[in-house]
PDB file of all heavy atoms in Angstrom:
ATOM      1  N   SER A   1      16.160 -18.778  39.071  1.00  0.00           N
ATOM      2  CA  SER A   1      15.081 -18.270  40.024  1.00  0.00           C
ATOM      3  C   SER A   1      14.846 -16.823  39.608  1.00  0.00           C
ATOM      4  O   SER A   1      15.599 -16.221  38.702  1.00  0.00           O
ATOM      5  CB  SER A   1      15.460 -18.412  41.516  1.00  0.00           C
ATOM      6  OG  SER A   1      16.636 -17.634  41.702  1.00  0.00           O
ATOM      7  N   GLY A   2      13.963 -16.170  40.325  1.00  0.00           N
ATOM      8  CA  GLY A   2      13.724 -14.779  40.057  1.00  0.00           C
ATOM      9  C   GLY A   2      13.142 -14.521  38.668  1.00  0.00           C
ATOM     10  O   GLY A   2      12.257 -15.169  38.185  1.00  0.00           O
ATOM     11  N   ASN A   3      13.648 -13.513  37.996  1.00  0.00           N
ATOM     12  CA  ASN A   3      13.159 -13.091  36.612  1.00  0.00           C
ATOM     13  C   ASN A   3      13.660 -13.956  35.570  1.00  0.00           C
ATOM     14  O   ASN A   3      13.218 -13.857  34.367  1.00  0.00           O
ATOM     15  CB  ASN A   3      13.505 -11.699  36.320  1.00  0.00           C
ATOM     16  CG  ASN A   3      12.741 -10.683  37.238  1.00  0.00           C
ATOM     17  OD1 ASN A   3      11.729 -11.042  37.774  1.00  0.00           O
ATOM     18  ND2 ASN A   3      13.297  -9.477  37.353  1.00  0.00           N
ATOM     19  N   THR A   4      14.609 -14.957  35.843  1.00  0.00           N
ATOM     20  CA  THR A   4      15.101 -15.879  34.876  1.00  0.00           C
ATOM     21  C   THR A   4      14.928 -17.310  35.393  1.00  0.00           C
ATOM     22  O   THR A   4      15.897 -17.959  35.836  1.00  0.00           O
ATOM     23  CB  THR A   4      16.503 -15.585  34.519  1.00  0.00           C
ATOM     24  OG1 THR A   4      17.268 -15.583  35.682  1.00  0.00           O
ATOM     25  CG2 THR A   4      16.559 -14.273  33.761  1.00  0.00           C
ATOM     26  N   PRO A   5      13.692 -17.742  35.648  1.00  0.00           N
ATOM     27  CA  PRO A   5      13.413 -19.088  36.275  1.00  0.00           C
ATOM     28  C   PRO A   5      13.646 -20.219  35.493  1.00  0.00           C
ATOM     29  O   PRO A   5      13.480 -21.369  35.949  1.00  0.00           O
ATOM     30  CB  PRO A   5      11.989 -18.944  36.772  1.00  0.00           C
ATOM     31  CG  PRO A   5      11.357 -18.057  35.672  1.00  0.00           C
ATOM     32  CD  PRO A   5      12.388 -17.150  35.252  1.00  0.00           C
ATOM     33  N   VAL A   6      13.910 -20.070  34.187  1.00  0.00           N
ATOM     34  CA  VAL A   6      13.961 -21.232  33.283  1.00  0.00           C
ATOM     35  C   VAL A   6      15.447 -21.447  32.840  1.00  0.00           C
ATOM     36  O   VAL A   6      16.032 -20.527  32.367  1.00  0.00           O
ATOM     37  CB  VAL A   6      13.015 -21.073  32.089  1.00  0.00           C
ATOM     38  CG1 VAL A   6      13.212 -22.211  31.145  1.00  0.00           C
ATOM     39  CG2 VAL A   6      11.641 -20.884  32.576  1.00  0.00           C
ATOM     40  N   CYS A   7      15.896 -22.674  32.813  1.00  0.00           N
ATOM     41  CA  CYS A   7      17.247 -23.005  32.392  1.00  0.00           C
ATOM     42  C   CYS A   7      17.079 -23.354  30.872  1.00  0.00           C
ATOM     43  O   CYS A   7      16.457 -24.361  30.605  1.00  0.00           O
ATOM     44  CB  CYS A   7      17.851 -24.165  33.226  1.00  0.00           C
ATOM     45  SG  CYS A   7      19.500 -24.657  32.648  1.00  0.00           S
ATOM     46  N   ASN A   8      17.835 -22.707  30.093  1.00  0.00           N
ATOM     47  CA  ASN A   8      17.819 -22.939  28.603  1.00  0.00           C
ATOM     48  C   ASN A   8      19.234 -23.135  28.140  1.00  0.00           C
ATOM     49  O   ASN A   8      20.002 -22.192  27.947  1.00  0.00           O
ATOM     50  CB  ASN A   8      17.127 -21.772  27.929  1.00  0.00           C
ATOM     51  CG  ASN A   8      16.985 -22.100  26.365  1.00  0.00           C
ATOM     52  OD1 ASN A   8      17.007 -23.228  25.978  1.00  0.00           O
ATOM     53  ND2 ASN A   8      16.773 -20.935  25.685  1.00  0.00           N
ATOM     54  N   ASN A   9      19.577 -24.451  28.004  1.00  0.00           N
ATOM     55  CA  ASN A   9      20.925 -24.796  27.467  1.00  0.00           C
ATOM     56  C   ASN A   9      22.123 -24.164  28.213  1.00  0.00           C
ATOM     57  O   ASN A   9      22.908 -23.551  27.650  1.00  0.00           O
ATOM     58  CB  ASN A   9      21.113 -24.349  25.957  1.00  0.00           C
ATOM     59  CG  ASN A   9      22.173 -24.982  25.218  1.00  0.00           C
ATOM     60  OD1 ASN A   9      22.502 -26.164  25.629  1.00  0.00           O
ATOM     61  ND2 ASN A   9      22.698 -24.350  24.237  1.00  0.00           N
ATOM     62  N   GLY A  10      21.783 -24.276  29.496  1.00  0.00           N
ATOM     63  CA  GLY A  10      22.915 -23.774  30.486  1.00  0.00           C
ATOM     64  C   GLY A  10      22.789 -22.306  30.895  1.00  0.00           C
ATOM     65  O   GLY A  10      23.550 -21.846  31.646  1.00  0.00           O
ATOM     66  N   THR A  11      21.747 -21.652  30.375  1.00  0.00           N
ATOM     67  CA  THR A  11      21.580 -20.197  30.741  1.00  0.00           C
ATOM     68  C   THR A  11      20.262 -20.007  31.295  1.00  0.00           C
ATOM     69  O   THR A  11      19.152 -20.501  30.728  1.00  0.00           O
ATOM     70  CB  THR A  11      21.663 -19.351  29.438  1.00  0.00           C
ATOM     71  OG1 THR A  11      22.993 -19.590  28.821  1.00  0.00           O
ATOM     72  CG2 THR A  11      21.591 -17.841  29.795  1.00  0.00           C
ATOM     73  N   CYS A  12      20.126 -19.246  32.433  1.00  0.00           N
ATOM     74  CA  CYS A  12      18.794 -18.958  33.025  1.00  0.00           C
ATOM     75  C   CYS A  12      18.121 -17.885  32.206  1.00  0.00           C
ATOM     76  O   CYS A  12      18.716 -16.766  31.932  1.00  0.00           O
ATOM     77  CB  CYS A  12      18.986 -18.457  34.469  1.00  0.00           C
ATOM     78  SG  CYS A  12      19.564 -19.810  35.552  1.00  0.00           S
ATOM     79  N   VAL A  13      16.884 -18.074  31.773  1.00  0.00           N
ATOM     80  CA  VAL A  13      16.152 -17.180  30.971  1.00  0.00           C
ATOM     81  C   VAL A  13      14.716 -17.186  31.503  1.00  0.00           C
ATOM     82  O   VAL A  13      14.322 -17.752  32.371  1.00  0.00           O
ATOM     83  CB  VAL A  13      16.069 -17.685  29.477  1.00  0.00           C
ATOM     84  CG1 VAL A  13      17.490 -17.711  28.877  1.00  0.00           C
ATOM     85  CG2 VAL A  13      15.490 -19.010  29.329  1.00  0.00           C
ATOM     86  N   GLY A  14      13.887 -16.082  30.844  1.00  0.00           N
ATOM     87  CA  GLY A  14      12.530 -15.897  31.202  1.00  0.00           C
ATOM     88  C   GLY A  14      11.697 -16.995  30.666  1.00  0.00           C
ATOM     89  O   GLY A  14      12.117 -17.788  29.878  1.00  0.00           O
ATOM     90  N   LYS A  15      10.303 -16.988  30.918  1.00  0.00           N
ATOM     91  CA  LYS A  15       9.371 -18.008  30.490  1.00  0.00           C
ATOM     92  C   LYS A  15       8.957 -17.785  29.036  1.00  0.00           C
ATOM     93  O   LYS A  15       8.934 -16.742  28.482  1.00  0.00           O
ATOM     94  CB  LYS A  15       8.073 -17.950  31.390  1.00  0.00           C
ATOM     95  CG  LYS A  15       8.329 -18.356  32.833  1.00  0.00           C
ATOM     96  CD  LYS A  15       7.093 -18.285  33.607  1.00  0.00           C
ATOM     97  CE  LYS A  15       7.284 -18.652  35.097  1.00  0.00           C
ATOM     98  NZ  LYS A  15       5.990 -18.530  35.778  1.00  0.00           N
ATOM     99  N   ALA A  16       8.750 -18.932  28.377  1.00  0.00           N
ATOM    100  CA  ALA A  16       8.279 -19.003  27.082  1.00  0.00           C
ATOM    101  C   ALA A  16       6.831 -18.457  26.926  1.00  0.00           C
ATOM    102  O   ALA A  16       6.047 -18.582  27.879  1.00  0.00           O
ATOM    103  CB  ALA A  16       8.408 -20.312  26.384  1.00  0.00           C
ATOM    104  N   ASN A  17       6.381 -18.010  25.627  1.00  0.00           N
ATOM    105  CA  ASN A  17       5.031 -17.625  25.401  1.00  0.00           C
ATOM    106  C   ASN A  17       4.058 -18.789  25.710  1.00  0.00           C
ATOM    107  O   ASN A  17       4.295 -19.925  25.218  1.00  0.00           O
ATOM    108  CB  ASN A  17       4.792 -17.151  24.015  1.00  0.00           C
ATOM    109  CG  ASN A  17       5.583 -15.849  23.721  1.00  0.00           C
ATOM    110  OD1 ASN A  17       5.909 -15.088  24.605  1.00  0.00           O
ATOM    111  ND2 ASN A  17       5.805 -15.537  22.443  1.00  0.00           N
ATOM    112  N   GLY A  18       3.058 -18.510  26.417  1.00  0.00           N
ATOM    113  CA  GLY A  18       2.005 -19.521  26.720  1.00  0.00           C
ATOM    114  C   GLY A  18       2.124 -19.958  28.144  1.00  0.00           C
ATOM    115  O   GLY A  18       1.220 -20.499  28.746  1.00  0.00           O
ATOM    116  N   ALA A  19       3.417 -19.709  28.722  1.00  0.00           N
ATOM    117  CA  ALA A  19       3.519 -20.109  30.235  1.00  0.00           C
ATOM    118  C   ALA A  19       2.820 -19.179  31.063  1.00  0.00           C
ATOM    119  O   ALA A  19       2.796 -17.926  30.814  1.00  0.00           O
ATOM    120  CB  ALA A  19       4.972 -20.215  30.534  1.00  0.00           C
ATOM    121  N   THR A  20       2.373 -19.584  32.167  1.00  0.00           N
ATOM    122  CA  THR A  20       1.657 -18.732  33.128  1.00  0.00           C
ATOM    123  C   THR A  20       2.643 -17.691  33.740  1.00  0.00           C
ATOM    124  O   THR A  20       3.818 -17.985  33.800  1.00  0.00           O
ATOM    125  CB  THR A  20       1.028 -19.521  34.329  1.00  0.00           C
ATOM    126  OG1 THR A  20       2.010 -20.262  34.994  1.00  0.00           O
ATOM    127  CG2 THR A  20       0.008 -20.551  33.742  1.00  0.00           C
ATOM    128  N   CYS A  21       2.082 -16.511  34.029  1.00  0.00           N
ATOM    129  CA  CYS A  21       2.896 -15.504  34.579  1.00  0.00           C
ATOM    130  C   CYS A  21       2.201 -14.506  35.428  1.00  0.00           C
ATOM    131  O   CYS A  21       0.916 -14.529  35.355  1.00  0.00           O
ATOM    132  CB  CYS A  21       3.655 -14.723  33.448  1.00  0.00           C
ATOM    133  SG  CYS A  21       2.516 -13.886  32.287  1.00  0.00           S
ATOM    134  N   ALA A  22       2.918 -13.817  36.231  1.00  0.00           N
ATOM    135  CA  ALA A  22       2.223 -12.832  37.071  1.00  0.00           C
ATOM    136  C   ALA A  22       2.802 -11.433  36.849  1.00  0.00           C
ATOM    137  O   ALA A  22       2.132 -10.446  37.160  1.00  0.00           O
ATOM    138  CB  ALA A  22       2.550 -13.089  38.590  1.00  0.00           C
ATOM    139  N   ALA A  23       3.931 -11.405  36.008  1.00  0.00           N
ATOM    140  CA  ALA A  23       4.502  -9.998  35.660  1.00  0.00           C
ATOM    141  C   ALA A  23       5.267 -10.172  34.499  1.00  0.00           C
ATOM    142  O   ALA A  23       5.740 -11.346  34.114  1.00  0.00           O
ATOM    143  CB  ALA A  23       5.365  -9.563  36.778  1.00  0.00           C
ATOM    144  N   LYS A  24       5.431  -9.105  33.651  1.00  0.00           N
ATOM    145  CA  LYS A  24       6.174  -9.187  32.385  1.00  0.00           C
ATOM    146  C   LYS A  24       7.600  -9.608  32.471  1.00  0.00           C
ATOM    147  O   LYS A  24       8.134 -10.180  31.593  1.00  0.00           O
ATOM    148  CB  LYS A  24       5.934  -7.928  31.612  1.00  0.00           C
ATOM    149  CG  LYS A  24       6.629  -6.749  32.307  1.00  0.00           C
ATOM    150  CD  LYS A  24       6.403  -5.493  31.451  1.00  0.00           C
ATOM    151  CE  LYS A  24       7.073  -4.292  32.084  1.00  0.00           C
ATOM    152  NZ  LYS A  24       7.000  -3.007  31.190  1.00  0.00           N
ATOM    153  N   ALA A  25       8.248  -9.383  33.683  1.00  0.00           N
ATOM    154  CA  ALA A  25       9.593  -9.687  33.864  1.00  0.00           C
ATOM    155  C   ALA A  25       9.872 -11.131  33.814  1.00  0.00           C
ATOM    156  O   ALA A  25      11.074 -11.635  33.588  1.00  0.00           O
ATOM    157  CB  ALA A  25      10.125  -9.024  35.207  1.00  0.00           C
ATOM    158  N   GLU A  26       8.827 -11.973  34.079  1.00  0.00           N
ATOM    159  CA  GLU A  26       8.998 -13.330  34.039  1.00  0.00           C
ATOM    160  C   GLU A  26       9.123 -13.902  32.665  1.00  0.00           C
ATOM    161  O   GLU A  26       9.582 -15.073  32.434  1.00  0.00           O
ATOM    162  CB  GLU A  26       7.802 -14.030  34.744  1.00  0.00           C
ATOM    163  CG  GLU A  26       7.541 -13.613  36.223  1.00  0.00           C
ATOM    164  CD  GLU A  26       6.321 -14.220  36.758  1.00  0.00           C
ATOM    165  OE1 GLU A  26       6.060 -15.338  36.349  1.00  0.00           O
ATOM    166  OE2 GLU A  26       5.638 -13.682  37.709  1.00  0.00           O
ATOM    167  N   CYS A  27       8.711 -13.114  31.646  1.00  0.00           N
ATOM    168  CA  CYS A  27       8.537 -13.725  30.299  1.00  0.00           C
ATOM    169  C   CYS A  27       9.733 -13.221  29.368  1.00  0.00           C
ATOM    170  O   CYS A  27      10.207 -12.144  29.450  1.00  0.00           O
ATOM    171  CB  CYS A  27       7.248 -13.230  29.699  1.00  0.00           C
ATOM    172  SG  CYS A  27       5.863 -13.633  30.670  1.00  0.00           S
ATOM    173  N   SER A  28      10.171 -14.136  28.551  1.00  0.00           N
ATOM    174  CA  SER A  28      11.229 -13.815  27.563  1.00  0.00           C
ATOM    175  C   SER A  28      10.792 -12.660  26.683  1.00  0.00           C
ATOM    176  O   SER A  28      11.643 -11.796  26.228  1.00  0.00           O
ATOM    177  CB  SER A  28      11.595 -15.101  26.783  1.00  0.00           C
ATOM    178  OG  SER A  28      12.097 -16.068  27.610  1.00  0.00           O
ATOM    179  N   SER A  29       9.495 -12.600  26.370  1.00  0.00           N
ATOM    180  CA  SER A  29       9.022 -11.606  25.451  1.00  0.00           C
ATOM    181  C   SER A  29       8.752 -10.262  26.108  1.00  0.00           C
ATOM    182  O   SER A  29       8.360  -9.249  25.568  1.00  0.00           O
ATOM    183  CB  SER A  29       7.592 -11.989  24.903  1.00  0.00           C
ATOM    184  OG  SER A  29       6.633 -12.193  25.841  1.00  0.00           O
ATOM    185  N   SER A  30       8.952 -10.328  27.559  1.00  0.00           N
ATOM    186  CA  SER A  30       8.641  -9.124  28.393  1.00  0.00           C
ATOM    187  C   SER A  30       7.105  -8.749  28.224  1.00  0.00           C
ATOM    188  O   SER A  30       6.776  -7.610  28.517  1.00  0.00           O
ATOM    189  CB  SER A  30       9.501  -8.013  28.004  1.00  0.00           C
ATOM    190  OG  SER A  30      10.864  -8.251  28.293  1.00  0.00           O
TER     191      SER A  30
END
């Protein structure tokens, strides 16, 4: 949840490019 809402191979990370977002903290690319 929060700024790492995506589970990636057992680790919570930010969203991938192309995913909808409301703030840069949500994205893996910032």
